[in-house]
N, C-alpha and C. Protein backbone atom coordinates (compact mmCIF):
# COMPACT_ATOMS: atom_id res chain seq x y z
N UNK A 1 -37.69 -27.68 4.23
CA UNK A 1 -36.62 -27.70 5.24
C UNK A 1 -35.90 -26.36 5.22
N UNK A 2 -35.79 -25.75 6.38
CA UNK A 2 -35.15 -24.44 6.44
C UNK A 2 -33.63 -24.57 6.36
N UNK A 3 -32.98 -23.50 5.94
CA UNK A 3 -31.53 -23.47 5.84
C UNK A 3 -30.93 -23.12 7.20
N UNK A 4 -30.00 -23.93 7.73
CA UNK A 4 -29.37 -23.61 9.02
C UNK A 4 -28.65 -22.26 8.95
N UNK A 5 -28.74 -21.49 10.03
CA UNK A 5 -28.10 -20.16 10.04
C UNK A 5 -26.58 -20.27 9.94
N UNK A 6 -26.01 -21.41 10.30
CA UNK A 6 -24.56 -21.57 10.26
C UNK A 6 -24.05 -21.83 8.84
N UNK A 7 -24.98 -22.02 7.90
CA UNK A 7 -24.56 -22.29 6.53
C UNK A 7 -23.77 -21.10 5.97
N UNK A 8 -22.64 -21.40 5.39
CA UNK A 8 -21.80 -20.36 4.80
C UNK A 8 -20.85 -19.68 5.75
N UNK A 9 -20.80 -20.12 7.00
CA UNK A 9 -19.87 -19.54 7.97
C UNK A 9 -18.57 -20.33 7.96
N UNK A 10 -17.45 -19.62 7.78
CA UNK A 10 -16.15 -20.29 7.67
C UNK A 10 -15.12 -19.51 8.49
N UNK A 11 -14.74 -20.04 9.61
CA UNK A 11 -13.70 -19.37 10.41
C UNK A 11 -12.37 -19.33 9.67
N UNK A 12 -12.14 -20.30 8.79
CA UNK A 12 -10.86 -20.36 8.08
C UNK A 12 -10.75 -19.29 7.00
N UNK A 13 -11.85 -18.56 6.76
CA UNK A 13 -11.80 -17.47 5.78
C UNK A 13 -11.52 -16.12 6.44
N UNK A 14 -11.41 -16.06 7.75
CA UNK A 14 -11.14 -14.80 8.44
C UNK A 14 -9.65 -14.53 8.36
N UNK A 15 -9.31 -13.42 7.80
CA UNK A 15 -7.91 -13.11 7.53
C UNK A 15 -7.42 -11.94 8.39
N UNK A 16 -6.15 -12.02 8.75
CA UNK A 16 -5.39 -10.91 9.30
C UNK A 16 -4.14 -10.74 8.47
N UNK A 17 -3.58 -9.55 8.53
CA UNK A 17 -2.27 -9.35 7.92
C UNK A 17 -1.26 -9.31 9.08
N UNK A 18 -0.75 -10.49 9.42
CA UNK A 18 0.11 -10.61 10.60
C UNK A 18 1.43 -9.86 10.43
N UNK A 19 1.91 -9.83 9.21
CA UNK A 19 3.13 -9.10 8.88
C UNK A 19 2.85 -8.27 7.65
N UNK A 20 3.32 -7.03 7.66
CA UNK A 20 3.12 -6.16 6.49
C UNK A 20 4.49 -5.63 6.04
N UNK A 21 4.60 -5.42 4.75
CA UNK A 21 5.83 -4.86 4.19
C UNK A 21 5.48 -3.84 3.13
N UNK A 22 6.29 -2.78 3.06
CA UNK A 22 6.11 -1.73 2.06
C UNK A 22 7.41 -1.60 1.28
N UNK A 23 7.30 -1.57 -0.04
CA UNK A 23 8.46 -1.34 -0.90
C UNK A 23 8.13 -0.17 -1.82
N UNK A 24 9.11 0.70 -2.02
CA UNK A 24 8.92 1.90 -2.84
C UNK A 24 9.95 1.93 -3.96
N UNK A 25 9.54 2.49 -5.07
CA UNK A 25 10.43 2.63 -6.22
C UNK A 25 10.15 3.94 -6.92
N UNK A 26 11.15 4.46 -7.61
CA UNK A 26 10.94 5.62 -8.46
C UNK A 26 9.99 5.23 -9.60
N UNK A 27 9.29 6.23 -10.13
CA UNK A 27 8.29 5.95 -11.15
C UNK A 27 8.90 5.36 -12.43
N UNK A 28 10.17 5.65 -12.68
CA UNK A 28 10.81 5.12 -13.88
C UNK A 28 11.08 3.62 -13.78
N UNK A 29 10.97 3.05 -12.59
CA UNK A 29 11.18 1.62 -12.39
C UNK A 29 10.03 0.83 -13.02
N UNK A 30 10.34 -0.35 -13.53
CA UNK A 30 9.31 -1.17 -14.16
C UNK A 30 8.21 -1.52 -13.17
N UNK A 31 6.97 -1.56 -13.66
CA UNK A 31 5.83 -1.90 -12.81
C UNK A 31 5.87 -3.37 -12.42
N UNK A 32 5.27 -3.67 -11.28
CA UNK A 32 5.15 -5.05 -10.83
C UNK A 32 4.03 -5.71 -11.63
N UNK A 33 4.30 -6.86 -12.22
CA UNK A 33 3.30 -7.55 -13.04
C UNK A 33 2.98 -8.95 -12.54
N UNK A 34 3.91 -9.60 -11.85
CA UNK A 34 3.69 -10.99 -11.42
C UNK A 34 4.38 -11.22 -10.08
N UNK A 35 3.69 -10.91 -8.96
CA UNK A 35 4.34 -11.06 -7.65
C UNK A 35 4.43 -12.50 -7.16
N UNK A 36 3.81 -13.46 -7.88
CA UNK A 36 3.80 -14.85 -7.44
C UNK A 36 4.32 -15.77 -8.53
N UNK A 37 4.87 -16.91 -8.09
CA UNK A 37 5.24 -17.96 -9.02
C UNK A 37 3.98 -18.67 -9.48
N UNK A 38 3.65 -18.65 -10.77
CA UNK A 38 2.35 -19.16 -11.23
C UNK A 38 2.07 -20.61 -10.82
N UNK A 39 3.07 -21.47 -10.87
CA UNK A 39 2.82 -22.89 -10.63
C UNK A 39 2.52 -23.19 -9.17
N UNK A 40 3.11 -22.44 -8.25
CA UNK A 40 3.01 -22.78 -6.82
C UNK A 40 2.33 -21.73 -5.97
N UNK A 41 2.26 -20.49 -6.44
CA UNK A 41 1.72 -19.41 -5.63
C UNK A 41 2.71 -18.85 -4.62
N UNK A 42 3.95 -19.32 -4.67
CA UNK A 42 4.98 -18.80 -3.77
C UNK A 42 5.31 -17.37 -4.15
N UNK A 43 5.53 -16.53 -3.16
CA UNK A 43 5.88 -15.13 -3.43
C UNK A 43 7.20 -15.06 -4.18
N UNK A 44 7.18 -14.33 -5.28
CA UNK A 44 8.38 -14.17 -6.10
C UNK A 44 9.32 -13.16 -5.47
N UNK A 45 10.54 -13.11 -5.98
CA UNK A 45 11.52 -12.14 -5.50
C UNK A 45 11.02 -10.72 -5.80
N UNK A 46 11.28 -9.81 -4.87
CA UNK A 46 10.90 -8.41 -5.08
C UNK A 46 11.73 -7.85 -6.24
N UNK A 47 11.10 -7.21 -7.21
CA UNK A 47 11.85 -6.74 -8.38
C UNK A 47 12.93 -5.73 -8.01
N UNK A 48 13.94 -5.68 -8.83
CA UNK A 48 15.03 -4.71 -8.64
C UNK A 48 14.47 -3.30 -8.70
N UNK A 49 15.02 -2.44 -7.84
CA UNK A 49 14.61 -1.05 -7.80
C UNK A 49 13.58 -0.73 -6.74
N UNK A 50 12.98 -1.76 -6.14
CA UNK A 50 11.99 -1.57 -5.08
C UNK A 50 12.70 -1.66 -3.73
N UNK A 51 12.67 -0.55 -2.99
CA UNK A 51 13.45 -0.41 -1.76
C UNK A 51 12.53 -0.64 -0.56
N UNK A 52 12.96 -1.45 0.42
CA UNK A 52 12.10 -1.68 1.59
C UNK A 52 12.03 -0.46 2.51
N UNK A 53 10.82 -0.16 2.96
CA UNK A 53 10.62 0.92 3.92
C UNK A 53 11.02 0.48 5.32
N UNK A 54 10.91 -0.81 5.60
CA UNK A 54 11.32 -1.33 6.90
C UNK A 54 10.19 -1.30 7.92
N UNK A 55 10.57 -1.23 9.19
CA UNK A 55 9.59 -1.26 10.27
C UNK A 55 8.64 -0.07 10.17
N UNK A 56 7.35 -0.35 10.44
CA UNK A 56 6.34 0.70 10.59
C UNK A 56 5.67 0.51 11.95
N UNK A 57 4.93 1.52 12.39
CA UNK A 57 4.28 1.44 13.70
C UNK A 57 3.25 0.31 13.70
N UNK A 58 2.85 -0.09 14.92
CA UNK A 58 1.92 -1.22 15.02
C UNK A 58 0.50 -0.85 14.61
N UNK A 59 0.27 0.37 14.15
CA UNK A 59 -0.99 0.69 13.48
C UNK A 59 -1.08 0.01 12.12
N UNK A 60 0.06 -0.44 11.62
CA UNK A 60 0.09 -1.13 10.33
C UNK A 60 -0.15 -0.19 9.16
N UNK A 61 -0.79 -0.71 8.14
CA UNK A 61 -1.09 0.04 6.93
C UNK A 61 -2.59 0.28 6.87
N UNK A 62 -2.97 1.50 6.52
CA UNK A 62 -4.39 1.84 6.39
C UNK A 62 -4.67 2.28 4.97
N UNK A 63 -5.62 1.61 4.33
CA UNK A 63 -6.04 1.97 2.97
C UNK A 63 -7.42 2.60 3.08
N UNK A 64 -7.50 3.85 2.68
CA UNK A 64 -8.73 4.61 2.80
C UNK A 64 -9.29 4.92 1.43
N UNK A 65 -10.58 4.67 1.25
CA UNK A 65 -11.27 5.04 0.02
C UNK A 65 -12.22 6.18 0.32
N UNK A 66 -11.93 7.34 -0.22
CA UNK A 66 -12.76 8.53 -0.01
C UNK A 66 -13.80 8.59 -1.12
N UNK A 67 -14.99 8.06 -0.82
CA UNK A 67 -16.04 7.93 -1.81
C UNK A 67 -17.01 9.10 -1.72
N UNK A 68 -17.26 9.74 -2.84
CA UNK A 68 -18.22 10.84 -2.91
C UNK A 68 -19.33 10.48 -3.89
N UNK A 69 -20.58 10.60 -3.41
CA UNK A 69 -21.76 10.23 -4.20
C UNK A 69 -22.60 11.47 -4.48
N UNK A 70 -23.08 11.58 -5.71
CA UNK A 70 -24.00 12.65 -6.09
C UNK A 70 -25.39 12.05 -6.22
N UNK A 71 -26.33 12.57 -5.43
CA UNK A 71 -27.70 12.06 -5.42
C UNK A 71 -28.64 12.97 -6.19
N UNK A 72 -29.59 12.36 -6.88
CA UNK A 72 -30.72 13.07 -7.47
C UNK A 72 -31.93 12.79 -6.59
N UNK A 73 -32.60 13.86 -6.14
CA UNK A 73 -33.79 13.70 -5.32
C UNK A 73 -35.02 14.14 -6.10
N UNK A 74 -36.13 13.55 -5.75
CA UNK A 74 -37.39 13.85 -6.43
C UNK A 74 -38.48 14.04 -5.39
N UNK A 75 -39.47 14.84 -5.74
CA UNK A 75 -40.53 15.13 -4.77
C UNK A 75 -41.40 13.92 -4.49
N UNK A 76 -41.38 12.93 -5.37
CA UNK A 76 -42.23 11.76 -5.18
C UNK A 76 -41.55 10.64 -4.41
N UNK A 77 -40.34 10.87 -3.93
CA UNK A 77 -39.62 9.79 -3.25
C UNK A 77 -38.84 10.35 -2.07
N UNK A 78 -38.83 9.58 -0.96
CA UNK A 78 -38.06 10.01 0.20
C UNK A 78 -36.61 9.56 0.08
N UNK A 79 -36.34 8.60 -0.83
CA UNK A 79 -34.96 8.21 -1.09
C UNK A 79 -34.48 8.84 -2.40
N UNK A 80 -33.17 8.95 -2.59
CA UNK A 80 -32.68 9.43 -3.88
C UNK A 80 -33.19 8.54 -5.01
N UNK A 81 -33.55 9.16 -6.10
CA UNK A 81 -34.02 8.39 -7.25
C UNK A 81 -32.89 8.04 -8.21
N UNK A 82 -31.73 8.62 -7.99
CA UNK A 82 -30.53 8.24 -8.74
C UNK A 82 -29.32 8.63 -7.91
N UNK A 83 -28.29 7.78 -7.94
CA UNK A 83 -27.03 8.07 -7.25
C UNK A 83 -25.87 7.70 -8.17
N UNK A 84 -24.89 8.58 -8.24
CA UNK A 84 -23.72 8.35 -9.09
C UNK A 84 -22.44 8.66 -8.31
N UNK A 85 -21.40 7.91 -8.60
CA UNK A 85 -20.10 8.15 -7.98
C UNK A 85 -19.47 9.39 -8.61
N UNK A 86 -19.17 10.38 -7.77
CA UNK A 86 -18.48 11.58 -8.26
C UNK A 86 -16.97 11.39 -8.19
N UNK A 87 -16.49 10.79 -7.10
CA UNK A 87 -15.07 10.53 -6.98
C UNK A 87 -14.87 9.38 -6.00
N UNK A 88 -13.78 8.67 -6.18
CA UNK A 88 -13.41 7.57 -5.29
C UNK A 88 -11.89 7.54 -5.24
N UNK A 89 -11.31 8.17 -4.24
CA UNK A 89 -9.87 8.35 -4.14
C UNK A 89 -9.31 7.37 -3.12
N UNK A 90 -8.39 6.52 -3.57
CA UNK A 90 -7.76 5.52 -2.70
C UNK A 90 -6.43 6.07 -2.19
N UNK A 91 -6.21 5.91 -0.89
CA UNK A 91 -4.95 6.36 -0.29
C UNK A 91 -4.40 5.29 0.64
N UNK A 92 -3.13 5.38 0.91
CA UNK A 92 -2.45 4.48 1.85
C UNK A 92 -1.71 5.32 2.87
N UNK A 93 -1.92 5.00 4.15
CA UNK A 93 -1.23 5.71 5.23
C UNK A 93 -0.37 4.72 6.02
N UNK A 94 0.83 5.14 6.33
CA UNK A 94 1.72 4.33 7.17
C UNK A 94 2.76 5.23 7.81
N UNK A 95 3.31 4.77 8.91
CA UNK A 95 4.28 5.58 9.68
C UNK A 95 5.57 4.79 9.83
N UNK A 96 6.56 5.04 8.98
CA UNK A 96 7.84 4.35 9.11
C UNK A 96 8.55 4.70 10.42
N UNK A 97 9.22 3.71 10.98
CA UNK A 97 9.97 3.91 12.22
C UNK A 97 11.47 3.96 11.99
N UNK A 98 11.92 3.44 10.86
CA UNK A 98 13.35 3.42 10.59
C UNK A 98 13.79 4.74 9.94
N UNK A 99 15.01 5.12 10.19
CA UNK A 99 15.65 6.19 9.43
C UNK A 99 16.55 5.53 8.41
N UNK A 100 16.03 5.38 7.23
CA UNK A 100 16.80 4.79 6.14
C UNK A 100 16.55 5.60 4.87
N UNK A 101 17.20 5.21 3.79
CA UNK A 101 17.12 6.01 2.56
C UNK A 101 15.69 6.09 2.02
N UNK A 102 14.92 5.01 2.16
CA UNK A 102 13.57 5.00 1.62
C UNK A 102 12.65 5.92 2.41
N UNK A 103 12.69 5.83 3.75
CA UNK A 103 11.76 6.63 4.55
C UNK A 103 12.06 8.12 4.42
N UNK A 104 13.33 8.48 4.40
CA UNK A 104 13.69 9.89 4.25
C UNK A 104 13.33 10.40 2.86
N UNK A 105 13.58 9.58 1.84
CA UNK A 105 13.28 9.99 0.47
C UNK A 105 11.78 10.20 0.27
N UNK A 106 10.96 9.30 0.80
CA UNK A 106 9.51 9.45 0.65
C UNK A 106 9.01 10.69 1.38
N UNK A 107 9.56 10.96 2.55
CA UNK A 107 9.12 12.08 3.37
C UNK A 107 9.59 13.42 2.79
N UNK A 108 10.80 13.43 2.23
CA UNK A 108 11.41 14.69 1.77
C UNK A 108 11.27 14.92 0.27
N UNK A 109 10.73 13.95 -0.47
CA UNK A 109 10.58 14.13 -1.91
C UNK A 109 11.86 13.91 -2.70
N UNK A 110 12.78 13.08 -2.17
CA UNK A 110 14.04 12.82 -2.84
C UNK A 110 13.93 11.58 -3.73
N UNK A 111 14.78 11.48 -4.74
CA UNK A 111 14.79 10.25 -5.55
C UNK A 111 15.23 9.06 -4.70
N UNK A 112 14.75 7.89 -5.08
CA UNK A 112 15.17 6.67 -4.39
C UNK A 112 16.44 6.08 -5.00
N UNK A 113 16.75 6.47 -6.21
CA UNK A 113 17.94 5.97 -6.88
C UNK A 113 18.43 7.04 -7.85
N UNK A 114 19.70 6.93 -8.22
CA UNK A 114 20.27 7.84 -9.21
C UNK A 114 20.65 9.18 -8.63
N UNK A 115 20.74 10.19 -9.49
CA UNK A 115 21.17 11.53 -9.08
C UNK A 115 20.22 12.12 -8.05
N UNK A 116 20.80 12.60 -6.95
CA UNK A 116 20.00 13.20 -5.89
C UNK A 116 19.56 12.24 -4.82
N UNK A 117 19.76 10.94 -5.03
CA UNK A 117 19.40 9.95 -4.01
C UNK A 117 20.41 9.95 -2.88
N UNK A 118 19.96 9.55 -1.72
CA UNK A 118 20.86 9.47 -0.57
C UNK A 118 21.84 8.32 -0.75
N UNK A 119 23.07 8.49 -0.27
CA UNK A 119 24.04 7.39 -0.37
C UNK A 119 23.70 6.27 0.62
N UNK A 120 24.55 5.26 0.65
CA UNK A 120 24.31 4.10 1.51
C UNK A 120 24.37 4.49 2.98
N UNK A 121 23.71 3.69 3.80
CA UNK A 121 23.77 3.89 5.25
C UNK A 121 25.22 3.85 5.72
N UNK A 122 25.54 4.76 6.63
CA UNK A 122 26.90 4.84 7.14
C UNK A 122 27.73 5.90 6.46
N UNK A 123 27.33 6.30 5.25
CA UNK A 123 27.99 7.42 4.59
C UNK A 123 27.31 8.72 5.01
N UNK A 124 28.01 9.82 4.83
CA UNK A 124 27.45 11.11 5.23
C UNK A 124 26.27 11.47 4.34
N UNK A 125 25.19 11.90 4.98
CA UNK A 125 24.00 12.33 4.25
C UNK A 125 23.86 13.84 4.33
N UNK A 126 23.38 14.44 3.25
CA UNK A 126 23.04 15.87 3.25
C UNK A 126 21.97 16.10 2.21
N UNK A 127 20.96 16.87 2.58
CA UNK A 127 19.95 17.31 1.62
C UNK A 127 19.40 18.64 2.07
N UNK A 128 18.91 19.43 1.14
CA UNK A 128 18.36 20.75 1.44
C UNK A 128 16.85 20.76 1.19
N UNK A 129 16.16 21.56 1.96
CA UNK A 129 14.73 21.77 1.72
C UNK A 129 14.59 22.68 0.50
N UNK A 130 13.87 22.20 -0.50
CA UNK A 130 13.77 22.93 -1.76
C UNK A 130 12.84 24.13 -1.61
N UNK A 131 13.15 25.20 -2.33
CA UNK A 131 12.27 26.36 -2.32
C UNK A 131 10.95 26.05 -3.02
N UNK A 132 11.02 25.20 -4.03
CA UNK A 132 9.83 24.67 -4.69
C UNK A 132 9.88 23.17 -4.51
N UNK A 133 9.13 22.62 -3.57
CA UNK A 133 9.26 21.20 -3.24
C UNK A 133 8.93 20.30 -4.43
N UNK A 134 9.77 19.31 -4.63
CA UNK A 134 9.49 18.28 -5.62
C UNK A 134 8.58 17.22 -4.99
N UNK A 135 7.64 16.78 -5.76
CA UNK A 135 6.72 15.74 -5.27
C UNK A 135 6.54 14.70 -6.37
N UNK A 136 7.56 13.88 -6.57
CA UNK A 136 7.53 12.95 -7.70
C UNK A 136 6.53 11.81 -7.47
N UNK A 137 6.06 11.25 -8.57
CA UNK A 137 5.27 10.04 -8.48
C UNK A 137 6.17 8.87 -8.11
N UNK A 138 5.60 7.91 -7.41
CA UNK A 138 6.32 6.71 -6.98
C UNK A 138 5.55 5.48 -7.42
N UNK A 139 6.19 4.35 -7.30
CA UNK A 139 5.51 3.06 -7.34
C UNK A 139 5.60 2.46 -5.94
N UNK A 140 4.46 2.01 -5.41
CA UNK A 140 4.41 1.47 -4.06
C UNK A 140 3.84 0.05 -4.09
N UNK A 141 4.54 -0.85 -3.42
CA UNK A 141 4.14 -2.25 -3.33
C UNK A 141 3.89 -2.60 -1.87
N UNK A 142 2.68 -3.06 -1.57
CA UNK A 142 2.30 -3.41 -0.20
C UNK A 142 2.02 -4.92 -0.14
N UNK A 143 2.60 -5.59 0.85
CA UNK A 143 2.44 -7.04 0.98
C UNK A 143 2.02 -7.37 2.40
N UNK A 144 0.94 -8.12 2.53
CA UNK A 144 0.48 -8.61 3.83
C UNK A 144 0.58 -10.12 3.87
N UNK A 145 0.97 -10.66 5.02
CA UNK A 145 1.15 -12.11 5.17
C UNK A 145 0.27 -12.65 6.28
N UNK A 146 -0.45 -13.72 5.97
CA UNK A 146 -1.22 -14.48 6.95
C UNK A 146 -0.89 -15.95 6.74
N UNK A 147 -1.42 -16.80 7.62
CA UNK A 147 -1.18 -18.24 7.50
C UNK A 147 -2.51 -18.98 7.53
N UNK A 148 -2.61 -20.00 6.69
CA UNK A 148 -3.79 -20.86 6.70
C UNK A 148 -3.71 -21.87 7.83
N UNK A 149 -4.78 -22.65 7.98
CA UNK A 149 -4.84 -23.65 9.05
C UNK A 149 -3.75 -24.70 8.91
N UNK A 150 -3.26 -24.91 7.69
CA UNK A 150 -2.19 -25.89 7.47
C UNK A 150 -0.80 -25.27 7.59
N UNK A 151 -0.73 -23.99 7.95
CA UNK A 151 0.56 -23.31 8.08
C UNK A 151 1.08 -22.70 6.80
N UNK A 152 0.34 -22.86 5.70
CA UNK A 152 0.78 -22.29 4.43
C UNK A 152 0.58 -20.79 4.38
N UNK A 153 1.45 -20.11 3.67
CA UNK A 153 1.40 -18.65 3.58
C UNK A 153 0.24 -18.20 2.70
N UNK A 154 -0.43 -17.15 3.15
CA UNK A 154 -1.47 -16.48 2.37
C UNK A 154 -1.06 -15.01 2.26
N UNK A 155 -0.86 -14.56 1.04
CA UNK A 155 -0.41 -13.20 0.80
C UNK A 155 -1.53 -12.36 0.18
N UNK A 156 -1.65 -11.13 0.66
CA UNK A 156 -2.49 -10.12 0.03
C UNK A 156 -1.56 -9.01 -0.45
N UNK A 157 -1.62 -8.68 -1.72
CA UNK A 157 -0.69 -7.72 -2.31
C UNK A 157 -1.49 -6.59 -2.97
N UNK A 158 -1.09 -5.37 -2.69
CA UNK A 158 -1.62 -4.19 -3.38
C UNK A 158 -0.45 -3.47 -4.05
N UNK A 159 -0.69 -3.01 -5.24
CA UNK A 159 0.33 -2.28 -5.99
C UNK A 159 -0.25 -0.98 -6.49
N UNK A 160 0.35 0.14 -6.05
CA UNK A 160 0.02 1.46 -6.57
C UNK A 160 1.04 1.77 -7.66
N UNK A 161 0.70 1.67 -8.93
CA UNK A 161 1.69 1.92 -9.97
C UNK A 161 2.05 3.40 -10.13
N UNK A 162 1.19 4.28 -9.62
CA UNK A 162 1.45 5.72 -9.76
C UNK A 162 0.90 6.41 -8.51
N UNK A 163 1.76 6.58 -7.54
CA UNK A 163 1.35 7.13 -6.24
C UNK A 163 2.09 8.43 -5.98
N UNK A 164 1.40 9.31 -5.24
CA UNK A 164 2.02 10.61 -4.92
C UNK A 164 1.71 10.98 -3.49
N UNK A 165 2.71 11.56 -2.82
CA UNK A 165 2.54 12.03 -1.45
C UNK A 165 1.50 13.14 -1.39
N UNK A 166 0.49 12.96 -0.54
CA UNK A 166 -0.55 13.98 -0.40
C UNK A 166 -0.65 14.53 1.02
N UNK A 167 0.03 13.87 1.96
CA UNK A 167 0.00 14.36 3.34
C UNK A 167 1.13 13.72 4.11
N UNK A 168 1.67 14.47 5.06
CA UNK A 168 2.65 13.89 5.98
C UNK A 168 2.46 14.53 7.35
N UNK A 169 2.59 13.69 8.37
CA UNK A 169 2.43 14.16 9.74
C UNK A 169 3.76 14.63 10.30
N UNK A 170 3.73 15.04 11.55
CA UNK A 170 4.91 15.64 12.16
C UNK A 170 6.06 14.64 12.30
N UNK A 171 7.25 15.13 12.05
CA UNK A 171 8.47 14.39 12.40
C UNK A 171 8.87 14.87 13.80
N UNK A 172 8.69 14.01 14.76
CA UNK A 172 8.91 14.40 16.16
C UNK A 172 10.22 13.83 16.67
N UNK A 173 11.00 14.69 17.30
CA UNK A 173 12.22 14.25 17.99
C UNK A 173 11.93 14.27 19.48
N UNK A 174 12.00 13.13 20.11
CA UNK A 174 11.68 13.06 21.53
C UNK A 174 12.41 11.89 22.16
N UNK A 175 12.60 12.00 23.45
CA UNK A 175 13.25 10.92 24.20
C UNK A 175 12.32 9.73 24.37
N UNK A 176 11.03 9.99 24.37
CA UNK A 176 10.06 8.97 24.73
C UNK A 176 9.60 8.11 23.56
N UNK A 177 9.93 8.47 22.33
CA UNK A 177 9.44 7.70 21.19
C UNK A 177 10.44 7.74 20.06
N UNK A 178 10.33 6.75 19.18
CA UNK A 178 11.23 6.70 18.02
C UNK A 178 10.84 7.79 17.02
N UNK A 179 11.78 8.17 16.19
CA UNK A 179 11.51 9.17 15.14
C UNK A 179 10.70 8.50 14.03
N UNK A 180 9.52 9.03 13.80
CA UNK A 180 8.64 8.53 12.75
C UNK A 180 8.51 9.58 11.64
N UNK A 181 8.21 9.08 10.45
CA UNK A 181 7.94 9.97 9.31
C UNK A 181 6.64 9.51 8.65
N UNK A 182 5.48 9.80 9.27
CA UNK A 182 4.20 9.30 8.76
C UNK A 182 3.82 9.97 7.45
N UNK A 183 3.35 9.17 6.51
CA UNK A 183 3.03 9.68 5.18
C UNK A 183 1.70 9.10 4.69
N UNK A 184 1.06 9.84 3.80
CA UNK A 184 -0.13 9.38 3.10
C UNK A 184 0.11 9.54 1.60
N UNK A 185 -0.13 8.48 0.86
CA UNK A 185 0.02 8.50 -0.59
C UNK A 185 -1.32 8.19 -1.25
N UNK A 186 -1.68 8.99 -2.25
CA UNK A 186 -2.86 8.71 -3.05
C UNK A 186 -2.47 7.89 -4.27
N UNK A 187 -3.37 7.02 -4.69
CA UNK A 187 -3.17 6.20 -5.88
C UNK A 187 -3.80 6.89 -7.09
N UNK A 188 -3.03 7.00 -8.16
CA UNK A 188 -3.51 7.60 -9.40
C UNK A 188 -3.42 6.58 -10.53
N UNK A 189 -4.33 6.70 -11.47
CA UNK A 189 -4.35 5.75 -12.58
C UNK A 189 -3.08 5.87 -13.42
N UNK A 190 -2.47 4.74 -13.69
CA UNK A 190 -1.32 4.67 -14.57
C UNK A 190 -1.81 4.27 -15.96
N UNK A 191 -1.49 5.09 -16.95
CA UNK A 191 -2.04 4.87 -18.29
C UNK A 191 -1.51 3.60 -18.94
N UNK A 192 -0.32 3.16 -18.55
CA UNK A 192 0.24 1.94 -19.13
C UNK A 192 -0.29 0.71 -18.40
N UNK A 193 -0.25 0.74 -17.07
CA UNK A 193 -0.76 -0.40 -16.28
C UNK A 193 -2.27 -0.51 -16.42
N UNK A 194 -2.96 0.65 -16.52
CA UNK A 194 -4.39 0.65 -16.75
C UNK A 194 -5.24 0.70 -15.50
N UNK A 195 -4.64 0.99 -14.36
CA UNK A 195 -5.39 1.07 -13.11
C UNK A 195 -4.60 1.91 -12.11
N UNK A 196 -5.28 2.32 -11.04
CA UNK A 196 -4.59 3.02 -9.95
C UNK A 196 -4.15 2.07 -8.85
N UNK A 197 -4.73 0.87 -8.83
CA UNK A 197 -4.36 -0.12 -7.81
C UNK A 197 -4.65 -1.51 -8.34
N UNK A 198 -3.65 -2.36 -8.34
CA UNK A 198 -3.83 -3.77 -8.72
C UNK A 198 -3.67 -4.63 -7.47
N UNK A 199 -4.55 -5.61 -7.34
CA UNK A 199 -4.59 -6.45 -6.14
C UNK A 199 -4.40 -7.92 -6.51
N UNK A 200 -3.71 -8.63 -5.62
CA UNK A 200 -3.54 -10.07 -5.77
C UNK A 200 -3.76 -10.74 -4.42
N UNK A 201 -4.28 -11.96 -4.43
CA UNK A 201 -4.30 -12.84 -3.26
C UNK A 201 -3.84 -14.20 -3.73
N UNK A 202 -2.79 -14.74 -3.09
CA UNK A 202 -2.26 -16.04 -3.50
C UNK A 202 -1.36 -16.56 -2.39
N UNK A 203 -0.79 -17.68 -2.64
CA UNK A 203 0.10 -18.31 -1.66
C UNK A 203 -0.28 -19.77 -1.47
N UNK A 204 0.63 -20.60 -1.00
CA UNK A 204 0.33 -22.02 -0.78
C UNK A 204 -0.86 -22.24 0.15
N UNK A 205 -0.99 -21.43 1.22
CA UNK A 205 -2.09 -21.56 2.13
C UNK A 205 -3.42 -21.19 1.49
N UNK A 206 -3.39 -20.23 0.58
CA UNK A 206 -4.60 -19.83 -0.14
C UNK A 206 -5.05 -20.95 -1.09
N UNK A 207 -4.11 -21.53 -1.78
CA UNK A 207 -4.44 -22.58 -2.74
C UNK A 207 -4.97 -23.83 -2.04
N UNK A 208 -4.56 -24.04 -0.80
CA UNK A 208 -5.04 -25.22 -0.08
C UNK A 208 -6.51 -25.09 0.29
N UNK A 209 -7.10 -23.88 0.17
CA UNK A 209 -8.52 -23.69 0.46
C UNK A 209 -9.41 -24.19 -0.68
N UNK A 210 -8.80 -24.48 -1.84
CA UNK A 210 -9.60 -24.92 -2.98
C UNK A 210 -10.31 -26.23 -2.64
N UNK A 211 -11.56 -26.31 -3.04
CA UNK A 211 -12.35 -27.52 -2.73
C UNK A 211 -11.85 -28.70 -3.54
């Protein structure tokens, strides 16, 4: 008896990130270790020190893996006879739309807290462009939200424990569009956390998929 082609097809496994959130913290802030409540899978409170970036453009968040492969070729084969990973650099790109302390700090290389950080919204802000730009490491927390067929939340979480700004696009002032500060951050291995990116998937809607 042949296997039906529909075997293994599950529409309920197709995911979108309907809502995305980005939180940033200075590198001295404690790393995220448990974003969910173990017993229920409910999203836990965002740890202290992680500042919301706020609204981003409807392009959402883009995670790019720049994979480089080194091939060994041989005269007896038309395909490579050996392939090895030379580098695999993970980056995150997003374009904040809000002008708040987090978006300006990430774009300008300012601290998110403590000395040199911008004051609260509504207070006078001032910062200078440094002759030698500071580019501190950050901690970045990315959260995506979807819903299962039963309406339960399904969360996908990525955590860059040691991230650094590697590119930023133009800050445009125009009548026709909001002021954006698009940035790209690369993920670097954190020696204490033991990885450059930790991933979680959980939530009540995810747990309801269990057979």
